[in-house]
Amino acid sequence: METRRPHFNTIDEYIATFPLEVQKILNSLRQTIHATAPQATEKISYQMPTFFLHGNLVHFAAYKNHIGFYPAPSGIEQFAGELSRYEGSKGAIRFPIDQPLPLDLITRIVKYRVGENLAKADKKTKRK
């Protein structure tokens, strides 16, 4: 039997499905990303909140015990030392939901990803 997953059109819709405390965490993360990458646009991709700037910049999602943050493998590799205290994988970081988000570290990761995406877009423009 197929279970229907919710379909979200906006980040606001996504965040509204969580308890108030989780909404606060997600909104804090969203505001941090906005402040760091004001030129990025919001969308839903893979049914997750996504910031887009010449390609996917970062995604995030809430789960029962953690906030998933997806800055592409390159974003994780660049900050591997600082991220070593968190569980994760090649493309994901899991921040425990019961601990404050490391917003300074997230800011630096997003800045790094902005630089990567802008450089990639500039390279494409120069090839044309």
N, C-alpha and C. Protein backbone atom coordinates (compact mmCIF):
# COMPACT_ATOMS: atom_id res chain seq x y z
N MET A 1 0.84 -1.18 0.00
CA MET A 1 0.00 0.00 0.00
C MET A 1 0.88 1.25 0.00
N GLU A 2 0.56 2.19 -0.85
CA GLU A 2 1.37 3.41 -0.98
C GLU A 2 0.94 4.45 0.05
N THR A 3 1.93 5.01 0.75
CA THR A 3 1.66 6.09 1.70
C THR A 3 1.92 7.40 1.00
N ARG A 4 0.96 8.30 1.07
CA ARG A 4 1.13 9.61 0.42
C ARG A 4 1.97 10.52 1.31
N ARG A 5 2.97 11.11 0.72
CA ARG A 5 3.80 12.08 1.42
C ARG A 5 3.23 13.46 1.14
N PRO A 6 3.35 14.35 2.11
CA PRO A 6 2.88 15.72 1.85
C PRO A 6 3.65 16.35 0.69
N HIS A 7 2.98 17.19 -0.05
CA HIS A 7 3.62 17.91 -1.15
C HIS A 7 3.65 19.39 -0.77
N PHE A 8 4.83 19.97 -0.78
CA PHE A 8 5.00 21.36 -0.39
C PHE A 8 5.33 22.20 -1.62
N ASN A 9 4.77 23.39 -1.66
CA ASN A 9 5.08 24.34 -2.74
C ASN A 9 6.01 25.45 -2.27
N THR A 10 6.01 25.71 -0.97
CA THR A 10 6.84 26.79 -0.42
C THR A 10 7.51 26.34 0.87
N ILE A 11 8.55 27.06 1.24
CA ILE A 11 9.23 26.78 2.50
C ILE A 11 8.30 27.08 3.67
N ASP A 12 7.47 28.10 3.55
CA ASP A 12 6.51 28.39 4.61
C ASP A 12 5.59 27.21 4.87
N GLU A 13 5.10 26.59 3.79
CA GLU A 13 4.23 25.41 3.94
C GLU A 13 4.97 24.28 4.64
N TYR A 14 6.22 24.07 4.25
CA TYR A 14 7.03 23.01 4.86
C TYR A 14 7.18 23.26 6.36
N ILE A 15 7.62 24.44 6.73
CA ILE A 15 7.89 24.76 8.13
C ILE A 15 6.63 24.67 8.98
N ALA A 16 5.49 25.07 8.42
CA ALA A 16 4.23 25.07 9.17
C ALA A 16 3.78 23.68 9.61
N THR A 17 4.34 22.64 9.04
CA THR A 17 3.91 21.28 9.39
C THR A 17 4.57 20.76 10.67
N PHE A 18 5.48 21.53 11.25
CA PHE A 18 6.23 21.07 12.42
C PHE A 18 5.75 21.76 13.69
N PRO A 19 6.03 21.15 14.85
CA PRO A 19 5.70 21.80 16.13
C PRO A 19 6.42 23.15 16.24
N LEU A 20 5.88 24.02 17.05
CA LEU A 20 6.38 25.39 17.19
C LEU A 20 7.88 25.46 17.48
N GLU A 21 8.37 24.62 18.37
CA GLU A 21 9.81 24.65 18.71
C GLU A 21 10.67 24.32 17.49
N VAL A 22 10.23 23.36 16.70
CA VAL A 22 10.98 23.00 15.49
C VAL A 22 10.86 24.12 14.46
N GLN A 23 9.69 24.73 14.37
CA GLN A 23 9.51 25.86 13.45
C GLN A 23 10.51 26.97 13.78
N LYS A 24 10.72 27.24 15.06
CA LYS A 24 11.68 28.28 15.46
C LYS A 24 13.09 27.94 14.97
N ILE A 25 13.48 26.68 15.12
CA ILE A 25 14.81 26.25 14.66
C ILE A 25 14.92 26.41 13.15
N LEU A 26 13.91 25.94 12.44
CA LEU A 26 13.93 26.02 10.97
C LEU A 26 13.94 27.47 10.49
N ASN A 27 13.16 28.32 11.14
CA ASN A 27 13.14 29.73 10.75
C ASN A 27 14.48 30.41 11.04
N SER A 28 15.13 30.03 12.12
CA SER A 28 16.45 30.57 12.44
C SER A 28 17.46 30.16 11.37
N LEU A 29 17.40 28.90 10.96
CA LEU A 29 18.29 28.42 9.90
C LEU A 29 17.99 29.15 8.59
N ARG A 30 16.73 29.28 8.27
CA ARG A 30 16.32 29.98 7.04
C ARG A 30 16.81 31.43 7.04
N GLN A 31 16.66 32.12 8.15
CA GLN A 31 17.10 33.52 8.25
C GLN A 31 18.61 33.63 8.12
N THR A 32 19.33 32.68 8.69
CA THR A 32 20.78 32.68 8.59
C THR A 32 21.22 32.52 7.14
N ILE A 33 20.58 31.60 6.44
CA ILE A 33 20.92 31.39 5.03
C ILE A 33 20.58 32.63 4.21
N HIS A 34 19.40 33.21 4.46
CA HIS A 34 19.00 34.44 3.75
C HIS A 34 20.00 35.56 3.97
N ALA A 35 20.43 35.75 5.21
CA ALA A 35 21.36 36.83 5.53
C ALA A 35 22.72 36.61 4.86
N THR A 36 23.10 35.36 4.70
CA THR A 36 24.39 35.03 4.12
C THR A 36 24.36 35.05 2.59
N ALA A 37 23.22 34.66 2.04
CA ALA A 37 23.08 34.59 0.57
C ALA A 37 21.80 35.29 0.14
N PRO A 38 21.75 36.63 0.31
CA PRO A 38 20.51 37.35 0.01
C PRO A 38 20.09 37.27 -1.45
N GLN A 39 21.03 36.98 -2.34
CA GLN A 39 20.69 36.89 -3.76
C GLN A 39 20.10 35.53 -4.14
N ALA A 40 20.16 34.57 -3.22
CA ALA A 40 19.61 33.23 -3.50
C ALA A 40 18.09 33.27 -3.42
N THR A 41 17.47 32.40 -4.20
CA THR A 41 16.01 32.29 -4.16
C THR A 41 15.62 31.00 -3.45
N GLU A 42 14.43 31.02 -2.90
CA GLU A 42 13.90 29.86 -2.20
C GLU A 42 13.06 29.01 -3.14
N LYS A 43 13.13 27.72 -2.92
CA LYS A 43 12.23 26.82 -3.62
C LYS A 43 12.17 25.52 -2.82
N ILE A 44 11.30 24.64 -3.25
CA ILE A 44 11.24 23.30 -2.70
C ILE A 44 11.84 22.37 -3.75
N SER A 45 12.82 21.59 -3.35
CA SER A 45 13.44 20.62 -4.23
C SER A 45 13.61 19.34 -3.42
N TYR A 46 13.26 18.22 -4.01
CA TYR A 46 13.26 16.94 -3.29
C TYR A 46 12.36 17.01 -2.06
N GLN A 47 11.33 17.84 -2.12
CA GLN A 47 10.40 18.09 -1.02
C GLN A 47 11.10 18.62 0.24
N MET A 48 12.19 19.35 0.02
CA MET A 48 12.92 20.00 1.11
C MET A 48 13.11 21.48 0.79
N PRO A 49 13.16 22.31 1.82
CA PRO A 49 13.52 23.71 1.60
C PRO A 49 14.90 23.79 0.95
N THR A 50 14.99 24.60 -0.10
CA THR A 50 16.21 24.71 -0.89
C THR A 50 16.48 26.17 -1.21
N PHE A 51 17.73 26.54 -1.14
CA PHE A 51 18.16 27.85 -1.61
C PHE A 51 18.91 27.63 -2.90
N PHE A 52 18.59 28.44 -3.90
CA PHE A 52 19.07 28.26 -5.26
C PHE A 52 19.81 29.51 -5.71
N LEU A 53 21.01 29.33 -6.21
CA LEU A 53 21.82 30.43 -6.76
C LEU A 53 22.72 29.83 -7.84
N HIS A 54 22.31 29.97 -9.08
CA HIS A 54 23.03 29.33 -10.19
C HIS A 54 23.19 27.83 -9.92
N GLY A 55 22.14 27.23 -9.41
CA GLY A 55 22.14 25.82 -9.02
C GLY A 55 21.76 25.72 -7.56
N ASN A 56 21.53 24.50 -7.11
CA ASN A 56 21.20 24.31 -5.70
C ASN A 56 22.37 24.75 -4.83
N LEU A 57 22.06 25.56 -3.84
CA LEU A 57 23.07 26.07 -2.92
C LEU A 57 23.13 25.17 -1.68
N VAL A 58 22.03 25.12 -0.95
CA VAL A 58 21.89 24.25 0.22
C VAL A 58 20.43 23.83 0.36
N HIS A 59 20.23 22.69 0.98
CA HIS A 59 18.90 22.20 1.35
C HIS A 59 18.91 22.01 2.87
N PHE A 60 17.71 21.97 3.46
CA PHE A 60 17.62 21.57 4.87
C PHE A 60 16.29 20.86 5.09
N ALA A 61 16.21 20.13 6.19
CA ALA A 61 15.00 19.38 6.51
C ALA A 61 14.98 19.06 8.00
N ALA A 62 13.78 18.89 8.52
CA ALA A 62 13.64 18.52 9.93
C ALA A 62 13.22 17.07 10.03
N TYR A 63 13.77 16.41 11.03
CA TYR A 63 13.45 15.02 11.33
C TYR A 63 13.17 14.91 12.82
N LYS A 64 12.82 13.74 13.26
CA LYS A 64 12.44 13.54 14.66
C LYS A 64 13.54 13.99 15.62
N ASN A 65 14.79 13.61 15.33
CA ASN A 65 15.87 13.88 16.27
C ASN A 65 16.96 14.82 15.77
N HIS A 66 16.81 15.30 14.54
CA HIS A 66 17.87 16.17 14.02
C HIS A 66 17.34 17.09 12.91
N ILE A 67 18.17 18.07 12.60
CA ILE A 67 17.96 18.94 11.45
C ILE A 67 19.00 18.51 10.43
N GLY A 68 18.54 18.12 9.26
CA GLY A 68 19.46 17.76 8.19
C GLY A 68 19.84 19.00 7.40
N PHE A 69 21.11 19.13 7.12
CA PHE A 69 21.63 20.26 6.35
C PHE A 69 22.46 19.67 5.23
N TYR A 70 22.18 20.11 4.01
CA TYR A 70 22.76 19.49 2.81
C TYR A 70 23.47 20.56 1.96
N PRO A 71 24.75 20.80 2.23
CA PRO A 71 25.49 21.82 1.48
C PRO A 71 26.34 21.27 0.33
N ALA A 72 25.98 20.12 -0.18
CA ALA A 72 26.76 19.43 -1.22
C ALA A 72 28.01 18.83 -0.59
N PRO A 73 28.52 17.77 -1.16
CA PRO A 73 29.73 17.16 -0.60
C PRO A 73 30.90 18.13 -0.44
N SER A 74 31.05 19.05 -1.36
CA SER A 74 32.17 19.99 -1.27
C SER A 74 32.07 20.88 -0.03
N GLY A 75 30.87 21.27 0.36
CA GLY A 75 30.69 22.08 1.56
C GLY A 75 31.05 21.31 2.82
N ILE A 76 30.78 20.03 2.81
CA ILE A 76 31.11 19.20 3.96
C ILE A 76 32.63 18.95 4.01
N GLU A 77 33.21 18.65 2.87
CA GLU A 77 34.66 18.40 2.81
C GLU A 77 35.45 19.61 3.28
N GLN A 78 35.03 20.80 2.86
CA GLN A 78 35.76 22.03 3.20
C GLN A 78 35.79 22.29 4.71
N PHE A 79 34.74 21.85 5.42
CA PHE A 79 34.63 22.13 6.85
C PHE A 79 34.63 20.84 7.67
N ALA A 80 35.25 19.80 7.13
CA ALA A 80 35.22 18.47 7.76
C ALA A 80 35.69 18.48 9.21
N GLY A 81 36.72 19.22 9.50
CA GLY A 81 37.24 19.27 10.87
C GLY A 81 36.22 19.80 11.86
N GLU A 82 35.57 20.88 11.48
CA GLU A 82 34.57 21.48 12.37
C GLU A 82 33.28 20.67 12.43
N LEU A 83 33.02 19.90 11.39
CA LEU A 83 31.80 19.11 11.34
C LEU A 83 31.98 17.72 11.95
N SER A 84 33.19 17.38 12.33
CA SER A 84 33.47 16.02 12.80
C SER A 84 32.68 15.64 14.06
N ARG A 85 32.22 16.60 14.80
CA ARG A 85 31.45 16.29 16.01
C ARG A 85 29.99 15.93 15.71
N TYR A 86 29.58 16.11 14.46
CA TYR A 86 28.21 15.82 14.06
C TYR A 86 28.17 14.56 13.19
N GLU A 87 27.07 13.84 13.30
CA GLU A 87 26.87 12.70 12.41
C GLU A 87 26.56 13.24 11.02
N GLY A 88 26.87 12.44 10.04
CA GLY A 88 26.58 12.88 8.68
C GLY A 88 27.04 11.85 7.67
N SER A 89 27.01 12.27 6.44
CA SER A 89 27.43 11.42 5.33
C SER A 89 28.11 12.32 4.31
N LYS A 90 28.36 11.77 3.15
CA LYS A 90 29.05 12.52 2.09
C LYS A 90 28.35 13.84 1.75
N GLY A 91 27.01 13.85 1.79
CA GLY A 91 26.29 15.05 1.39
C GLY A 91 25.40 15.64 2.46
N ALA A 92 25.43 15.11 3.68
CA ALA A 92 24.50 15.55 4.72
C ALA A 92 25.19 15.73 6.07
N ILE A 93 24.66 16.66 6.82
CA ILE A 93 25.09 16.88 8.20
C ILE A 93 23.83 16.77 9.04
N ARG A 94 23.92 16.10 10.19
CA ARG A 94 22.78 15.98 11.09
C ARG A 94 23.07 16.74 12.38
N PHE A 95 22.38 17.86 12.54
CA PHE A 95 22.51 18.64 13.76
C PHE A 95 21.45 18.16 14.74
N PRO A 96 21.84 17.74 15.95
CA PRO A 96 20.85 17.27 16.92
C PRO A 96 19.81 18.35 17.20
N ILE A 97 18.56 17.93 17.22
CA ILE A 97 17.46 18.89 17.35
C ILE A 97 17.41 19.50 18.75
N ASP A 98 18.03 18.84 19.72
CA ASP A 98 17.99 19.32 21.10
C ASP A 98 19.20 20.18 21.46
N GLN A 99 20.00 20.56 20.47
CA GLN A 99 21.16 21.43 20.69
C GLN A 99 21.06 22.64 19.78
N PRO A 100 21.61 23.78 20.21
CA PRO A 100 21.58 24.97 19.35
C PRO A 100 22.31 24.71 18.03
N LEU A 101 21.76 25.25 16.95
CA LEU A 101 22.43 25.14 15.65
C LEU A 101 23.73 25.94 15.67
N PRO A 102 24.78 25.45 15.06
CA PRO A 102 26.04 26.21 14.97
C PRO A 102 25.93 27.25 13.83
N LEU A 103 25.20 28.32 14.10
CA LEU A 103 24.87 29.28 13.04
C LEU A 103 26.09 29.94 12.42
N ASP A 104 27.15 30.15 13.22
CA ASP A 104 28.37 30.74 12.65
C ASP A 104 28.99 29.78 11.63
N LEU A 105 29.04 28.52 11.96
CA LEU A 105 29.58 27.51 11.05
C LEU A 105 28.68 27.39 9.81
N ILE A 106 27.39 27.39 10.01
CA ILE A 106 26.46 27.33 8.87
C ILE A 106 26.66 28.53 7.96
N THR A 107 26.85 29.70 8.53
CA THR A 107 27.10 30.92 7.75
C THR A 107 28.35 30.75 6.89
N ARG A 108 29.41 30.22 7.47
CA ARG A 108 30.66 30.05 6.71
C ARG A 108 30.49 29.00 5.61
N ILE A 109 29.73 27.95 5.88
CA ILE A 109 29.49 26.93 4.86
C ILE A 109 28.69 27.53 3.70
N VAL A 110 27.66 28.30 4.03
CA VAL A 110 26.84 28.91 2.98
C VAL A 110 27.68 29.89 2.15
N LYS A 111 28.52 30.69 2.80
CA LYS A 111 29.41 31.61 2.07
C LYS A 111 30.30 30.83 1.11
N TYR A 112 30.83 29.74 1.57
CA TYR A 112 31.68 28.89 0.73
C TYR A 112 30.90 28.38 -0.48
N ARG A 113 29.68 27.91 -0.25
CA ARG A 113 28.85 27.39 -1.34
C ARG A 113 28.47 28.50 -2.32
N VAL A 114 28.20 29.71 -1.81
CA VAL A 114 27.92 30.84 -2.70
C VAL A 114 29.12 31.06 -3.62
N GLY A 115 30.31 31.08 -3.05
CA GLY A 115 31.52 31.26 -3.85
C GLY A 115 31.68 30.19 -4.91
N GLU A 116 31.40 28.95 -4.54
CA GLU A 116 31.48 27.85 -5.51
C GLU A 116 30.50 28.03 -6.65
N ASN A 117 29.25 28.32 -6.29
CA ASN A 117 28.22 28.44 -7.34
C ASN A 117 28.47 29.65 -8.24
N LEU A 118 28.93 30.75 -7.68
CA LEU A 118 29.21 31.93 -8.50
C LEU A 118 30.40 31.66 -9.44
N ALA A 119 31.41 30.97 -8.93
CA ALA A 119 32.57 30.65 -9.77
C ALA A 119 32.16 29.71 -10.90
N LYS A 120 31.33 28.75 -10.59
CA LYS A 120 30.85 27.81 -11.62
C LYS A 120 30.03 28.55 -12.68
N ALA A 121 29.18 29.48 -12.25
CA ALA A 121 28.36 30.25 -13.19
C ALA A 121 29.25 31.16 -14.04
N ASP A 122 30.26 31.76 -13.43
CA ASP A 122 31.18 32.64 -14.16
C ASP A 122 31.95 31.84 -15.20
N LYS A 123 32.36 30.65 -14.86
CA LYS A 123 33.08 29.78 -15.79
C LYS A 123 32.20 29.43 -16.99
N LYS A 124 30.93 29.13 -16.73
CA LYS A 124 30.00 28.81 -17.81
C LYS A 124 29.79 30.02 -18.73
N THR A 125 29.69 31.20 -18.14
CA THR A 125 29.49 32.43 -18.92
C THR A 125 30.68 32.70 -19.82
N LYS A 126 31.88 32.48 -19.31
CA LYS A 126 33.09 32.73 -20.09
C LYS A 126 33.27 31.74 -21.23
N ARG A 127 32.70 30.53 -21.11
CA ARG A 127 32.78 29.54 -22.17
C ARG A 127 31.88 29.88 -23.36
N LYS A 128 30.86 30.67 -23.12
CA LYS A 128 29.90 31.00 -24.19
C LYS A 128 30.44 32.02 -25.16
